[in-house]
């Protein structure tokens, strides 16, 4: 069977590429995995109890958009965290935010804009689902560098007006994956003003928003509300995977204006998989609790301190403002990852695997991504081994 030609240009996903690079070589020491952003801190202690109390919910078809209790808990959290008043008709529970980041593009991107092929803006490097969503709906993905020269955030305003006039959606991740950069209020205000001027929607992937070093990151919906914009102008995506160490729960949400959410809910009704009711019950309890989030952030703060000490004085090293990745400069990411694996057993991800070559330039080529998800003793051992191998 021949697949659609538009999928032929998609690069291989990062982790199969990594296995191809490394797995034919023996590790040079006891393996230490620092590749995948899978949280390994304890999940909230009450999760099992809430799940057990709601087991009979598996005998029922789940509510498509989310139970009133779950939507109420999410609305309450948005009010506490971002000082925004978001009613239940502006929220939909997600079976993992990857679902929302993909399906929202299908639901909200028109087939044409101004009589031309629509364009979707994507930071480069990027979370791979952004590009797959663009290709699926037949839009043109436009990869915009997010390197050191722009503070590791994309400068969408630098694009020509004729390009921006075709844009229907602009993805933004803050704190960014992989660089850990935080979009300031001023950055978000400028992006939202650009969206108003050229009539596109900002898709704000804020899944790392609760892991930060100095101050809580502002939210796109928060800034949009402060500016008095139409709530349809922005869609935000959040998850319990990183905030609450529950990646296997596959629970998140999208919030936007009521018209956008109605379209997203309609697509879900035909082609999606709603959260089972016991999972919705657990999620409602988790969104309502902040104690475990504070404890989780403190654990990452300890690992930020470890990284700062290990790489103290290293040229080009900067601590991320948020998230749990280090974005470390190297001469060549693939060569560094292979050397590190062969000589020490530490496993990291070449930055180029998270980015796309555009005009012969890949903004991730001279970096490796290192996940700080393991317990602090293992993290320190891995970082010290990496430093001694790559930077000695």
Protein backbone atom coordinates (compact mmCIF):
# COMPACT_ATOMS: atom_id res chain seq x y z
CA UNK A 1 0.00 0.00 0.00
CA UNK A 2 1.32 3.46 -0.88
CA UNK A 3 1.06 6.07 1.84
CA UNK A 4 0.22 9.72 1.10
CA UNK A 5 3.20 11.51 -0.38
CA UNK A 6 3.00 14.28 2.20
CA UNK A 7 4.16 11.83 4.89
CA UNK A 8 7.26 10.81 2.95
CA UNK A 9 9.16 13.90 4.10
CA UNK A 10 8.64 13.27 7.79
CA UNK A 11 11.93 12.43 9.51
CA UNK A 12 12.19 9.26 11.54
CA UNK A 13 11.11 9.77 15.14
CA UNK A 14 13.94 10.71 17.51
CA UNK A 15 14.16 7.55 19.59
CA UNK A 16 14.27 4.98 16.77
CA UNK A 17 17.04 7.14 15.28
CA UNK A 18 18.85 7.03 18.61
CA UNK A 19 18.59 3.24 18.75
CA UNK A 20 20.03 3.02 15.25
CA UNK A 21 22.93 5.25 16.30
CA UNK A 22 23.76 3.52 19.59
CA UNK A 23 22.41 0.01 19.91
CA UNK A 24 24.93 -1.74 17.66
CA UNK A 25 27.63 -0.57 20.10
CA UNK A 26 28.26 -1.92 23.58
CA UNK A 27 27.99 0.63 26.40
CA UNK A 28 31.29 1.67 27.91
CA UNK A 29 29.97 1.38 31.45
CA UNK A 30 26.85 0.83 33.50
CA UNK A 31 24.08 2.40 31.41
CA UNK A 32 22.56 5.64 32.68
CA UNK A 33 19.49 6.72 30.68
CA UNK A 34 19.18 10.49 30.32
CA UNK A 35 17.22 10.57 27.06
CA UNK A 36 13.47 10.34 27.59
CA UNK A 37 11.52 12.99 29.48
CA UNK A 38 9.65 10.44 31.58
CA UNK A 39 9.36 11.73 35.17
CA UNK A 40 10.67 9.35 37.79
CA UNK A 41 9.71 11.23 40.94
CA UNK A 42 6.96 9.73 43.12
CA UNK A 43 3.41 10.25 41.94
CA UNK A 44 0.91 11.70 44.46
CA UNK A 45 0.30 9.24 47.27
CA UNK A 46 -3.48 9.44 47.01
CA UNK A 47 -3.75 8.30 43.38
CA UNK A 48 -4.22 4.61 44.16
CA UNK A 49 -6.91 5.28 46.74
CA UNK A 50 -8.92 7.53 44.42
CA UNK A 51 -8.60 5.02 41.59
CA UNK A 52 -9.76 2.15 43.80
CA UNK A 53 -12.75 4.16 45.02
CA UNK A 54 -13.84 4.72 41.42
CA UNK A 55 -13.18 1.32 39.82
CA UNK A 56 -16.85 0.80 38.95
CA UNK A 57 -16.49 3.68 36.53
CA UNK A 58 -14.73 1.31 34.13
CA UNK A 59 -18.16 -0.26 33.56
CA UNK A 60 -19.48 2.96 31.99
CA UNK A 61 -18.77 4.81 28.79
CA UNK A 62 -16.81 7.92 29.75
CA UNK A 63 -18.03 11.48 29.33
CA UNK A 64 -16.58 12.82 26.10
CA UNK A 65 -15.50 16.29 27.16
CA UNK A 66 -14.75 15.52 30.80
CA UNK A 67 -16.94 15.10 33.87
CA UNK A 68 -18.29 18.21 35.60
CA UNK A 69 -16.01 17.42 38.53
CA UNK A 70 -12.92 17.24 36.33
CA UNK A 71 -13.75 20.36 34.33
CA UNK A 72 -14.49 22.18 37.58
CA UNK A 73 -11.14 21.12 39.06
CA UNK A 74 -9.30 22.29 35.93
CA UNK A 75 -11.19 25.59 35.92
CA UNK A 76 -10.31 26.11 39.57
CA UNK A 77 -6.65 25.40 38.92
CA UNK A 78 -6.55 27.84 35.99
CA UNK A 79 -8.03 30.50 38.24
CA UNK A 80 -5.52 29.91 41.01
CA UNK A 81 -2.50 29.54 38.75
CA UNK A 82 -3.16 32.13 36.04
CA UNK A 83 -5.91 34.35 37.48
CA UNK A 84 -8.24 33.58 34.56
CA UNK A 85 -11.93 32.74 34.73
CA UNK A 86 -12.47 29.81 32.37
CA UNK A 87 -15.91 28.20 32.29
CA UNK A 88 -16.42 24.48 31.65
CA UNK A 89 -17.55 25.07 28.06
CA UNK A 90 -14.06 26.37 27.31
CA UNK A 91 -12.23 23.23 28.49
CA UNK A 92 -11.92 19.67 27.21
CA UNK A 93 -10.14 16.84 28.99
CA UNK A 94 -7.51 15.12 26.86
CA UNK A 95 -6.21 11.58 26.64
CA UNK A 96 -2.71 12.97 26.95
CA UNK A 97 -1.91 16.41 25.53
CA UNK A 98 -0.34 14.91 22.41
CA UNK A 99 -3.90 14.07 21.37
CA UNK A 100 -4.93 17.69 21.79
CA UNK A 101 -1.90 19.21 20.07
CA UNK A 102 -2.65 16.99 17.07
CA UNK A 103 -6.44 16.99 16.93
CA UNK A 104 -6.88 20.69 17.64
CA UNK A 105 -5.01 21.43 14.41
CA UNK A 106 -7.39 19.14 12.52
CA UNK A 107 -10.41 20.77 14.13
CA UNK A 108 -9.34 24.41 13.79
CA UNK A 109 -7.18 24.77 10.68
CA UNK A 110 -9.15 25.80 7.57
CA UNK A 111 -8.43 24.16 4.23
CA UNK A 112 -7.34 27.50 2.76
CA UNK A 113 -6.61 30.98 4.04
CA UNK A 114 -6.97 34.01 1.82
CA UNK A 115 -7.34 31.56 -1.06
CA UNK A 116 -3.94 30.00 -0.40
CA UNK A 117 -2.51 26.92 1.29
CA UNK A 118 -2.50 27.47 5.05
CA UNK A 119 0.75 27.62 6.98
CA UNK A 120 1.54 26.47 10.51
CA UNK A 121 4.44 27.99 12.46
CA UNK A 122 6.65 25.59 14.39
CA UNK A 123 9.67 26.40 16.59
CA UNK A 124 12.84 24.58 15.56
CA UNK A 125 13.74 22.39 17.58
CA UNK A 126 10.22 21.20 18.35
CA UNK A 127 7.97 18.51 19.79
CA UNK A 128 7.47 16.24 16.81
CA UNK A 129 3.65 16.10 16.92
CA UNK A 130 3.49 19.74 15.76
CA UNK A 131 4.95 18.84 12.38
CA UNK A 132 2.85 15.68 12.00
CA UNK A 133 -0.31 17.69 12.68
CA UNK A 134 0.61 20.22 9.99
CA UNK A 135 1.37 17.53 7.43
CA UNK A 136 -1.80 15.58 8.24
CA UNK A 137 -4.07 18.51 7.43
CA UNK A 138 -2.14 19.46 4.31
CA UNK A 139 -0.80 22.74 5.74
CA UNK A 140 2.72 23.99 5.11
CA UNK A 141 4.89 23.60 8.22
CA UNK A 142 7.23 26.56 8.57
CA UNK A 143 10.14 25.84 10.90
CA UNK A 144 11.47 28.94 12.63
CA UNK A 145 14.85 28.73 14.41
CA UNK A 146 14.77 28.94 18.21
CA UNK A 147 18.46 29.27 18.94
CA UNK A 148 20.64 31.22 21.33
CA UNK A 149 20.44 34.32 19.15
CA UNK A 150 16.66 34.59 19.81
CA UNK A 151 16.72 33.42 23.43
CA UNK A 152 15.80 29.86 22.38
CA UNK A 153 12.33 31.04 21.36
CA UNK A 154 11.13 31.48 17.77
CA UNK A 155 11.06 35.00 16.29
CA UNK A 156 7.83 34.64 14.36
CA UNK A 157 7.59 38.38 13.77
CA UNK A 158 10.69 38.21 11.54
CA UNK A 159 8.74 36.30 8.88
CA UNK A 160 7.51 38.18 5.79
CA UNK A 161 3.97 39.54 5.93
CA UNK A 162 2.93 37.42 2.95
CA UNK A 163 3.87 34.31 4.95
CA UNK A 164 2.18 35.48 8.14
CA UNK A 165 -1.01 36.19 6.23
CA UNK A 166 -1.24 32.45 5.40
CA UNK A 167 -0.65 31.34 8.99
CA UNK A 168 -3.56 29.66 10.74
CA UNK A 169 -1.78 28.25 13.82
CA UNK A 170 1.46 29.07 15.61
CA UNK A 171 2.80 26.49 18.05
CA UNK A 172 4.77 27.69 21.06
CA UNK A 173 6.20 25.63 23.91
CA UNK A 174 7.00 27.47 27.15
CA UNK A 175 9.04 26.40 29.03
CA UNK A 176 10.46 25.14 25.78
CA UNK A 177 11.40 21.55 25.05
CA UNK A 178 14.35 21.01 24.75
CA UNK A 179 15.94 24.35 25.70
CA UNK A 180 14.02 25.27 28.86
CA UNK A 181 13.42 28.88 27.80
CA UNK A 182 10.42 30.73 29.22
CA UNK A 183 8.31 33.09 27.12
CA UNK A 184 8.00 36.35 29.06
CA UNK A 185 4.83 38.40 29.32
CA UNK A 186 6.29 40.79 26.75
CA UNK A 187 7.10 37.95 24.35
CA UNK A 188 3.59 36.50 24.70
CA UNK A 189 1.98 39.92 24.29
CA UNK A 190 3.97 40.51 21.08
CA UNK A 191 3.05 37.08 19.72
CA UNK A 192 -0.63 37.57 20.51
CA UNK A 193 -0.58 40.99 18.87
CA UNK A 194 0.96 39.35 15.80
CA UNK A 195 -1.78 36.74 15.86
CA UNK A 196 -4.40 39.49 16.01
CA UNK A 197 -2.81 41.35 13.12
CA UNK A 198 -2.52 38.31 10.85
CA UNK A 199 -5.53 36.38 12.17
CA UNK A 200 -4.10 33.11 13.47
CA UNK A 201 -4.44 31.06 16.66
CA UNK A 202 -1.63 30.56 19.15
CA UNK A 203 -1.33 26.95 20.33
CA UNK A 204 0.51 27.29 23.64
CA UNK A 205 2.02 24.00 24.80
CA UNK A 206 2.49 24.70 28.52
CA UNK A 207 3.07 21.14 29.73
CA UNK A 208 6.26 22.11 31.62
CA UNK A 209 4.77 25.22 33.22
CA UNK A 210 4.94 23.89 36.79
CA UNK A 211 8.64 23.02 36.67
CA UNK A 212 10.56 26.27 36.95
CA UNK A 213 13.68 27.62 38.58
CA UNK A 214 13.18 31.30 39.44
CA UNK A 215 9.54 32.30 38.93
CA UNK A 216 6.34 30.71 37.63
CA UNK A 217 6.08 31.15 33.85
CA UNK A 218 3.25 33.37 32.63
CA UNK A 219 0.56 31.68 30.58
CA UNK A 220 -0.64 32.58 27.10
CA UNK A 221 -4.31 32.64 28.14
CA UNK A 222 -3.39 34.79 31.13
CA UNK A 223 -1.67 37.39 28.94
CA UNK A 224 -4.43 37.20 26.34
CA UNK A 225 -7.06 37.93 28.99
CA UNK A 226 -5.01 40.83 30.34
CA UNK A 227 -4.88 42.28 26.81
CA UNK A 228 -8.63 41.85 26.30
CA UNK A 229 -8.28 39.57 23.28
CA UNK A 230 -10.97 37.31 21.89
CA UNK A 231 -10.62 34.02 23.83
CA UNK A 232 -10.68 32.15 20.51
CA UNK A 233 -7.26 33.65 19.73
CA UNK A 234 -5.37 31.21 21.95
CA UNK A 235 -5.57 27.54 22.92
CA UNK A 236 -3.53 26.27 25.86
CA UNK A 237 -2.50 22.67 26.51
CA UNK A 238 -1.60 21.28 29.93
CA UNK A 239 -0.79 17.85 31.29
CA UNK A 240 -0.45 15.88 34.50
CA UNK A 241 2.55 13.98 33.11
CA UNK A 242 5.23 16.44 34.18
CA UNK A 243 3.36 18.50 36.78
CA UNK A 244 2.33 15.46 38.79
CA UNK A 245 4.67 12.64 37.64
CA UNK A 246 1.79 10.77 35.99
CA UNK A 247 2.84 10.17 32.37
CA UNK A 248 1.03 6.83 32.30
CA UNK A 249 -2.28 8.38 33.35
CA UNK A 250 -2.51 10.03 29.89
CA UNK A 251 -4.43 12.97 31.25
CA UNK A 252 -4.37 16.61 30.23
CA UNK A 253 -6.64 19.32 28.89
CA UNK A 254 -7.06 21.99 26.25
CA UNK A 255 -8.69 25.34 27.02
CA UNK A 256 -9.67 28.03 24.53
CA UNK A 257 -12.72 30.02 23.45
CA UNK A 258 -16.10 28.23 23.45
CA UNK A 259 -16.28 28.04 19.64
CA UNK A 260 -12.84 26.41 19.37
CA UNK A 261 -13.64 23.93 22.12
CA UNK A 262 -16.97 23.06 20.54
CA UNK A 263 -15.17 22.12 17.32
CA UNK A 264 -12.52 20.13 19.19
CA UNK A 265 -15.20 18.30 21.18
CA UNK A 266 -17.10 17.48 18.00
CA UNK A 267 -14.01 15.88 16.46
CA UNK A 268 -13.40 13.93 19.68
CA UNK A 269 -16.99 12.64 19.61
CA UNK A 270 -16.34 10.99 16.24
CA UNK A 271 -12.66 10.15 16.30
CA UNK A 272 -11.25 10.40 19.80
CA UNK A 273 -10.85 8.36 22.94
CA UNK A 274 -12.22 10.04 26.09
CA UNK A 275 -10.64 9.41 29.46
CA UNK A 276 -12.12 6.48 31.43
CA UNK A 277 -14.19 7.74 34.36
CA UNK A 278 -11.82 6.42 37.07
CA UNK A 279 -8.98 8.31 35.37
CA UNK A 280 -11.14 11.42 35.29
CA UNK A 281 -11.78 11.05 39.02
CA UNK A 282 -8.05 10.74 39.74
CA UNK A 283 -7.31 13.70 37.48
CA UNK A 284 -9.84 15.92 39.26
CA UNK A 285 -8.21 15.18 42.60
CA UNK A 286 -4.71 15.78 41.23
CA UNK A 287 -5.58 19.16 39.66
CA UNK A 288 -7.07 20.21 42.98
CA UNK A 289 -3.89 19.46 44.95
CA UNK A 290 -0.82 21.70 44.90
CA UNK A 291 1.24 20.21 47.74
CA UNK A 292 2.72 17.44 45.60
CA UNK A 293 3.55 19.96 42.86
CA UNK A 294 5.58 22.08 45.25
CA UNK A 295 7.40 18.99 46.52
CA UNK A 296 8.12 17.89 42.95
CA UNK A 297 9.51 21.29 42.01
CA UNK A 298 11.83 21.19 45.02
CA UNK A 299 13.30 17.90 43.75
CA UNK A 300 14.05 19.48 40.39
CA UNK A 301 15.57 22.50 42.14
CA UNK A 302 18.07 20.16 43.76
CA UNK A 303 19.02 18.81 40.33
CA UNK A 304 19.33 22.31 38.88
CA UNK A 305 21.84 22.98 41.67
CA UNK A 306 23.72 19.78 40.86
CA UNK A 307 23.93 20.74 37.18
CA UNK A 308 25.12 24.25 38.06
CA UNK A 309 27.90 22.81 40.21
CA UNK A 310 28.95 20.13 37.72
CA UNK A 311 29.18 22.55 34.78
CA UNK A 312 30.37 25.60 36.70
CA UNK A 313 32.56 27.77 34.50
CA UNK A 314 31.88 25.78 31.34
CA UNK A 315 31.68 28.07 28.36
CA UNK A 316 28.26 28.10 26.75
CA UNK A 317 26.49 26.39 29.65
CA UNK A 318 23.30 27.98 30.94
CA UNK A 319 20.77 26.58 33.36
CA UNK A 320 17.27 26.27 31.94
CA UNK A 321 14.65 28.60 33.37
CA UNK A 322 12.09 25.81 33.32
CA UNK A 323 11.45 22.20 32.39
CA UNK A 324 13.78 19.31 33.20
CA UNK A 325 16.21 19.18 30.28
CA UNK A 326 19.73 20.48 29.84
CA UNK A 327 20.52 21.72 26.34
CA UNK A 328 24.28 21.32 26.26
CA UNK A 329 26.51 22.75 23.53
CA UNK A 330 28.87 20.30 21.78
CA UNK A 331 30.77 20.25 18.50
CA UNK A 332 28.42 17.65 17.03
CA UNK A 333 25.45 16.12 18.84
CA UNK A 334 25.52 12.72 17.15
CA UNK A 335 29.26 12.31 17.64
CA UNK A 336 29.01 13.37 21.29
CA UNK A 337 26.13 10.97 22.01
CA UNK A 338 27.96 8.06 20.38
CA UNK A 339 31.23 8.82 22.18
CA UNK A 340 29.44 9.12 25.51
CA UNK A 341 27.65 5.80 25.06
CA UNK A 342 30.69 3.88 23.84
CA UNK A 343 33.02 5.21 26.51
CA UNK A 344 30.76 5.56 29.57
CA UNK A 345 27.28 4.06 29.05
CA UNK A 346 25.54 7.43 29.54
CA UNK A 347 22.74 7.76 27.01
CA UNK A 348 21.66 11.21 25.75
CA UNK A 349 19.78 12.50 22.72
CA UNK A 350 21.45 14.38 19.84
CA UNK A 351 19.80 17.75 19.45
CA UNK A 352 19.52 17.39 15.70
CA UNK A 353 16.98 14.59 16.21
CA UNK A 354 14.57 17.15 17.68
CA UNK A 355 14.97 19.68 14.88
CA UNK A 356 14.64 19.96 11.13
CA UNK A 357 17.24 20.97 8.54
CA UNK A 358 16.11 24.20 6.86
CA UNK A 359 18.29 25.67 4.12
CA UNK A 360 21.13 23.41 5.24
CA UNK A 361 20.95 24.51 8.88
CA UNK A 362 19.83 22.39 11.80
CA UNK A 363 19.64 24.46 15.04
CA UNK A 364 19.98 21.33 17.18
CA UNK A 365 23.09 19.92 15.50
CA UNK A 366 25.57 21.33 18.02
CA UNK A 367 23.64 20.30 21.14
CA UNK A 368 22.68 17.27 23.17
CA UNK A 369 19.54 17.03 25.28
CA UNK A 370 19.96 15.60 28.77
CA UNK A 371 16.93 14.70 30.91
CA UNK A 372 17.11 15.43 34.65
CA UNK A 373 14.39 12.97 35.58
CA UNK A 374 16.33 10.33 37.55
CA UNK A 375 16.92 10.50 41.32
CA UNK A 376 19.51 13.09 42.22
CA UNK A 377 22.33 10.64 43.00
CA UNK A 378 21.98 9.00 39.58
CA UNK A 379 21.61 12.40 37.94
CA UNK A 380 24.81 13.67 39.54
CA UNK A 381 26.73 10.56 38.53
CA UNK A 382 25.49 10.84 34.97
CA UNK A 383 26.29 14.56 34.68
CA UNK A 384 29.78 14.18 36.13
CA UNK A 385 30.49 11.27 33.79
CA UNK A 386 29.21 13.29 30.83
CA UNK A 387 31.34 16.29 31.76
CA UNK A 388 34.50 14.25 32.14
CA UNK A 389 33.94 12.47 28.84
CA UNK A 390 32.79 15.32 26.61
CA UNK A 391 34.26 18.46 28.11
CA UNK A 392 37.50 17.35 29.77
